[in-house]
Amino acid sequence: MSEKLASEPQLDKTSQKRIGDQLRAMYDELMQQPVPDRFKELLEKLDRSSAERSK
């Protein structure tokens, strides 16, 4: 028999802020990285393919 919790588990505001700050810092660092050449090549192929289909 499964029992439902009276309320969902929650993090306190301090923990939420700390996690948010860490996630933001990691995201900012990631966004500073250059796009790998392989991704650029794939995007170019998709653009060409899309342009050819729309003709």
PDB file of N, CA and C in Angstrom:
ATOM      1  N   MET A   1       0.840  -1.174   0.000  1.00  0.00           N
ATOM      2  CA  MET A   1       0.000   0.000   0.000  1.00  0.00           C
ATOM      3  C   MET A   1       0.890   1.244   0.000  1.00  0.00           C
ATOM      4  N   SER A   2       0.673   2.143  -0.950  1.00  0.00           N
ATOM      5  CA  SER A   2       1.499   3.341  -1.011  1.00  0.00           C
ATOM      6  C   SER A   2       0.776   4.503  -0.355  1.00  0.00           C
ATOM      7  N   GLU A   3       1.537   5.259   0.393  1.00  0.00           N
ATOM      8  CA  GLU A   3       0.977   6.426   1.074  1.00  0.00           C
ATOM      9  C   GLU A   3       1.440   7.689   0.373  1.00  0.00           C
ATOM     10  N   LYS A   4       0.549   8.624   0.183  1.00  0.00           N
ATOM     11  CA  LYS A   4       0.919   9.914  -0.389  1.00  0.00           C
ATOM     12  C   LYS A   4       1.459  10.808   0.708  1.00  0.00           C
ATOM     13  N   LEU A   5       2.459  11.586   0.340  1.00  0.00           N
ATOM     14  CA  LEU A   5       2.992  12.553   1.294  1.00  0.00           C
ATOM     15  C   LEU A   5       2.004  13.697   1.455  1.00  0.00           C
ATOM     16  N   ALA A   6       1.951  14.249   2.635  1.00  0.00           N
ATOM     17  CA  ALA A   6       1.055  15.372   2.884  1.00  0.00           C
ATOM     18  C   ALA A   6       1.447  16.576   2.031  1.00  0.00           C
ATOM     19  N   SER A   7       2.743  16.740   1.804  1.00  0.00           N
ATOM     20  CA  SER A   7       3.220  17.820   0.945  1.00  0.00           C
ATOM     21  C   SER A   7       4.458  17.330   0.194  1.00  0.00           C
ATOM     22  N   GLU A   8       4.701  17.937  -0.931  1.00  0.00           N
ATOM     23  CA  GLU A   8       5.877  17.580  -1.714  1.00  0.00           C
ATOM     24  C   GLU A   8       7.125  18.062  -0.988  1.00  0.00           C
ATOM     25  N   PRO A   9       8.227  17.317  -1.104  1.00  0.00           N
ATOM     26  CA  PRO A   9       9.477  17.772  -0.495  1.00  0.00           C
ATOM     27  C   PRO A   9       9.898  19.110  -1.105  1.00  0.00           C
ATOM     28  N   GLN A  10      10.396  20.013  -0.294  1.00  0.00           N
ATOM     29  CA  GLN A  10      10.790  21.328  -0.772  1.00  0.00           C
ATOM     30  C   GLN A  10      12.155  21.703  -0.228  1.00  0.00           C
ATOM     31  N   LEU A  11      12.853  22.500  -1.005  1.00  0.00           N
ATOM     32  CA  LEU A  11      14.130  23.047  -0.558  1.00  0.00           C
ATOM     33  C   LEU A  11      13.881  24.424   0.036  1.00  0.00           C
ATOM     34  N   ASP A  12      14.675  24.758   1.043  1.00  0.00           N
ATOM     35  CA  ASP A  12      14.534  26.097   1.614  1.00  0.00           C
ATOM     36  C   ASP A  12      15.073  27.130   0.628  1.00  0.00           C
ATOM     37  N   LYS A  13      14.727  28.390   0.827  1.00  0.00           N
ATOM     38  CA  LYS A  13      15.102  29.470  -0.095  1.00  0.00           C
ATOM     39  C   LYS A  13      16.611  29.590  -0.271  1.00  0.00           C
ATOM     40  N   THR A  14      17.363  29.378   0.793  1.00  0.00           N
ATOM     41  CA  THR A  14      18.824  29.483   0.715  1.00  0.00           C
ATOM     42  C   THR A  14      19.381  28.412  -0.214  1.00  0.00           C
ATOM     43  N   SER A  15      18.897  27.181  -0.077  1.00  0.00           N
ATOM     44  CA  SER A  15      19.354  26.090  -0.941  1.00  0.00           C
ATOM     45  C   SER A  15      18.952  26.335  -2.389  1.00  0.00           C
ATOM     46  N   GLN A  16      17.735  26.820  -2.604  1.00  0.00           N
ATOM     47  CA  GLN A  16      17.276  27.117  -3.959  1.00  0.00           C
ATOM     48  C   GLN A  16      18.167  28.174  -4.607  1.00  0.00           C
ATOM     49  N   LYS A  17      18.493  29.204  -3.843  1.00  0.00           N
ATOM     50  CA  LYS A  17      19.341  30.278  -4.372  1.00  0.00           C
ATOM     51  C   LYS A  17      20.735  29.759  -4.692  1.00  0.00           C
ATOM     52  N   ARG A  18      21.296  28.957  -3.814  1.00  0.00           N
ATOM     53  CA  ARG A  18      22.641  28.413  -4.027  1.00  0.00           C
ATOM     54  C   ARG A  18      22.669  27.542  -5.289  1.00  0.00           C
ATOM     55  N   ILE A  19      21.677  26.674  -5.447  1.00  0.00           N
ATOM     56  CA  ILE A  19      21.610  25.818  -6.634  1.00  0.00           C
ATOM     57  C   ILE A  19      21.427  26.675  -7.884  1.00  0.00           C
ATOM     58  N   GLY A  20      20.542  27.660  -7.818  1.00  0.00           N
ATOM     59  CA  GLY A  20      20.328  28.553  -8.963  1.00  0.00           C
ATOM     60  C   GLY A  20      21.597  29.297  -9.347  1.00  0.00           C
ATOM     61  N   ASP A  21      22.317  29.800  -8.361  1.00  0.00           N
ATOM     62  CA  ASP A  21      23.570  30.519  -8.629  1.00  0.00           C
ATOM     63  C   ASP A  21      24.593  29.606  -9.288  1.00  0.00           C
ATOM     64  N   GLN A  22      24.706  28.378  -8.802  1.00  0.00           N
ATOM     65  CA  GLN A  22      25.661  27.427  -9.364  1.00  0.00           C
ATOM     66  C   GLN A  22      25.278  27.046 -10.798  1.00  0.00           C
ATOM     67  N   LEU A  23      23.995  26.820 -11.036  1.00  0.00           N
ATOM     68  CA  LEU A  23      23.539  26.488 -12.389  1.00  0.00           C
ATOM     69  C   LEU A  23      23.795  27.646 -13.349  1.00  0.00           C
ATOM     70  N   ARG A  24      23.522  28.878 -12.892  1.00  0.00           N
ATOM     71  CA  ARG A  24      23.758  30.050 -13.718  1.00  0.00           C
ATOM     72  C   ARG A  24      25.242  30.182 -14.061  1.00  0.00           C
ATOM     73  N   ALA A  25      26.104  29.960 -13.078  1.00  0.00           N
ATOM     74  CA  ALA A  25      27.547  30.067 -13.300  1.00  0.00           C
ATOM     75  C   ALA A  25      28.019  29.003 -14.293  1.00  0.00           C
ATOM     76  N   MET A  26      27.513  27.792 -14.163  1.00  0.00           N
ATOM     77  CA  MET A  26      27.892  26.725 -15.100  1.00  0.00           C
ATOM     78  C   MET A  26      27.401  27.046 -16.504  1.00  0.00           C
ATOM     79  N   TYR A  27      26.179  27.542 -16.627  1.00  0.00           N
ATOM     80  CA  TYR A  27      25.612  27.890 -17.928  1.00  0.00           C
ATOM     81  C   TYR A  27      26.410  29.020 -18.568  1.00  0.00           C
ATOM     82  N   ASP A  28      26.740  30.055 -17.780  1.00  0.00           N
ATOM     83  CA  ASP A  28      27.516  31.176 -18.302  1.00  0.00           C
ATOM     84  C   ASP A  28      28.867  30.702 -18.828  1.00  0.00           C
ATOM     85  N   GLU A  29      29.504  29.794 -18.086  1.00  0.00           N
ATOM     86  CA  GLU A  29      30.801  29.264 -18.507  1.00  0.00           C
ATOM     87  C   GLU A  29      30.643  28.468 -19.811  1.00  0.00           C
ATOM     88  N   LEU A  30      29.603  27.681 -19.903  1.00  0.00           N
ATOM     89  CA  LEU A  30      29.346  26.886 -21.103  1.00  0.00           C
ATOM     90  C   LEU A  30      29.124  27.780 -22.317  1.00  0.00           C
ATOM     91  N   MET A  31      28.391  28.874 -22.121  1.00  0.00           N
ATOM     92  CA  MET A  31      28.083  29.770 -23.238  1.00  0.00           C
ATOM     93  C   MET A  31      29.322  30.514 -23.741  1.00  0.00           C
ATOM     94  N   GLN A  32      30.390  30.553 -22.953  1.00  0.00           N
ATOM     95  CA  GLN A  32      31.631  31.202 -23.372  1.00  0.00           C
ATOM     96  C   GLN A  32      32.466  30.299 -24.274  1.00  0.00           C
ATOM     97  N   GLN A  33      32.142  29.006 -24.316  1.00  0.00           N
ATOM     98  CA  GLN A  33      32.890  28.043 -25.117  1.00  0.00           C
ATOM     99  C   GLN A  33      32.544  28.222 -26.600  1.00  0.00           C
ATOM    100  N   PRO A  34      33.516  28.051 -27.480  1.00  0.00           N
ATOM    101  CA  PRO A  34      33.228  28.152 -28.910  1.00  0.00           C
ATOM    102  C   PRO A  34      32.400  26.942 -29.376  1.00  0.00           C
ATOM    103  N   VAL A  35      31.633  27.151 -30.442  1.00  0.00           N
ATOM    104  CA  VAL A  35      30.850  26.054 -31.013  1.00  0.00           C
ATOM    105  C   VAL A  35      31.830  25.132 -31.743  1.00  0.00           C
ATOM    106  N   PRO A  36      31.793  23.833 -31.454  1.00  0.00           N
ATOM    107  CA  PRO A  36      32.712  22.900 -32.126  1.00  0.00           C
ATOM    108  C   PRO A  36      32.489  22.912 -33.649  1.00  0.00           C
ATOM    109  N   ASP A  37      33.568  22.743 -34.398  1.00  0.00           N
ATOM    110  CA  ASP A  37      33.493  22.742 -35.858  1.00  0.00           C
ATOM    111  C   ASP A  37      32.490  21.716 -36.374  1.00  0.00           C
ATOM    112  N   ARG A  38      32.430  20.563 -35.726  1.00  0.00           N
ATOM    113  CA  ARG A  38      31.501  19.512 -36.177  1.00  0.00           C
ATOM    114  C   ARG A  38      30.056  20.000 -36.096  1.00  0.00           C
ATOM    115  N   PHE A  39      29.716  20.728 -35.057  1.00  0.00           N
ATOM    116  CA  PHE A  39      28.362  21.261 -34.933  1.00  0.00           C
ATOM    117  C   PHE A  39      28.088  22.299 -36.020  1.00  0.00           C
ATOM    118  N   LYS A  40      29.090  23.139 -36.292  1.00  0.00           N
ATOM    119  CA  LYS A  40      28.934  24.146 -37.344  1.00  0.00           C
ATOM    120  C   LYS A  40      28.672  23.469 -38.683  1.00  0.00           C
ATOM    121  N   GLU A  41      29.430  22.393 -38.966  1.00  0.00           N
ATOM    122  CA  GLU A  41      29.249  21.662 -40.231  1.00  0.00           C
ATOM    123  C   GLU A  41      27.843  21.073 -40.315  1.00  0.00           C
ATOM    124  N   LEU A  42      27.372  20.499 -39.226  1.00  0.00           N
ATOM    125  CA  LEU A  42      26.030  19.915 -39.227  1.00  0.00           C
ATOM    126  C   LEU A  42      24.961  20.974 -39.443  1.00  0.00           C
ATOM    127  N   LEU A  43      25.115  22.134 -38.809  1.00  0.00           N
ATOM    128  CA  LEU A  43      24.155  23.219 -38.984  1.00  0.00           C
ATOM    129  C   LEU A  43      24.157  23.732 -40.424  1.00  0.00           C
ATOM    130  N   GLU A  44      25.329  23.823 -41.025  1.00  0.00           N
ATOM    131  CA  GLU A  44      25.417  24.262 -42.422  1.00  0.00           C
ATOM    132  C   GLU A  44      24.713  23.266 -43.339  1.00  0.00           C
ATOM    133  N   LYS A  45      24.895  21.961 -43.096  1.00  0.00           N
ATOM    134  CA  LYS A  45      24.227  20.938 -43.902  1.00  0.00           C
ATOM    135  C   LYS A  45      22.711  21.044 -43.752  1.00  0.00           C
ATOM    136  N   LEU A  46      22.258  21.265 -42.534  1.00  0.00           N
ATOM    137  CA  LEU A  46      20.818  21.408 -42.322  1.00  0.00           C
ATOM    138  C   LEU A  46      20.269  22.632 -43.051  1.00  0.00           C
ATOM    139  N   ASP A  47      21.003  23.733 -42.990  1.00  0.00           N
ATOM    140  CA  ASP A  47      20.575  24.952 -43.688  1.00  0.00           C
ATOM    141  C   ASP A  47      20.491  24.713 -45.193  1.00  0.00           C
ATOM    142  N   ARG A  48      21.513  24.060 -45.771  1.00  0.00           N
ATOM    143  CA  ARG A  48      21.508  23.784 -47.208  1.00  0.00           C
ATOM    144  C   ARG A  48      20.347  22.867 -47.576  1.00  0.00           C
ATOM    145  N   SER A  49      20.143  21.846 -46.789  1.00  0.00           N
ATOM    146  CA  SER A  49      19.055  20.894 -47.035  1.00  0.00           C
ATOM    147  C   SER A  49      17.702  21.585 -46.974  1.00  0.00           C
ATOM    148  N   SER A  50      17.527  22.435 -45.984  1.00  0.00           N
ATOM    149  CA  SER A  50      16.276  23.163 -45.815  1.00  0.00           C
ATOM    150  C   SER A  50      16.044  24.125 -46.984  1.00  0.00           C
ATOM    151  N   ALA A  51      17.102  24.791 -47.431  1.00  0.00           N
ATOM    152  CA  ALA A  51      17.002  25.735 -48.548  1.00  0.00           C
ATOM    153  C   ALA A  51      16.642  24.993 -49.840  1.00  0.00           C
ATOM    154  N   GLU A  52      17.211  23.814 -50.034  1.00  0.00           N
ATOM    155  CA  GLU A  52      16.924  23.028 -51.239  1.00  0.00           C
ATOM    156  C   GLU A  52      15.473  22.547 -51.251  1.00  0.00           C
ATOM    157  N   ARG A  53      14.947  22.187 -50.100  1.00  0.00           N
ATOM    158  CA  ARG A  53      13.563  21.704 -50.021  1.00  0.00           C
ATOM    159  C   ARG A  53      12.564  22.821 -50.248  1.00  0.00           C
ATOM    160  N   SER A  54      12.943  24.041 -49.888  1.00  0.00           N
ATOM    161  CA  SER A  54      11.995  25.151 -50.008  1.00  0.00           C
ATOM    162  C   SER A  54      11.955  25.731 -51.422  1.00  0.00           C
ATOM    163  N   LYS A  55      12.811  25.249 -52.317  1.00  0.00           N
ATOM    164  CA  LYS A  55      12.822  25.748 -53.707  1.00  0.00           C
ATOM    165  C   LYS A  55      11.681  25.172 -54.502  1.00  0.00           C
TER     166      LYS A  55
END
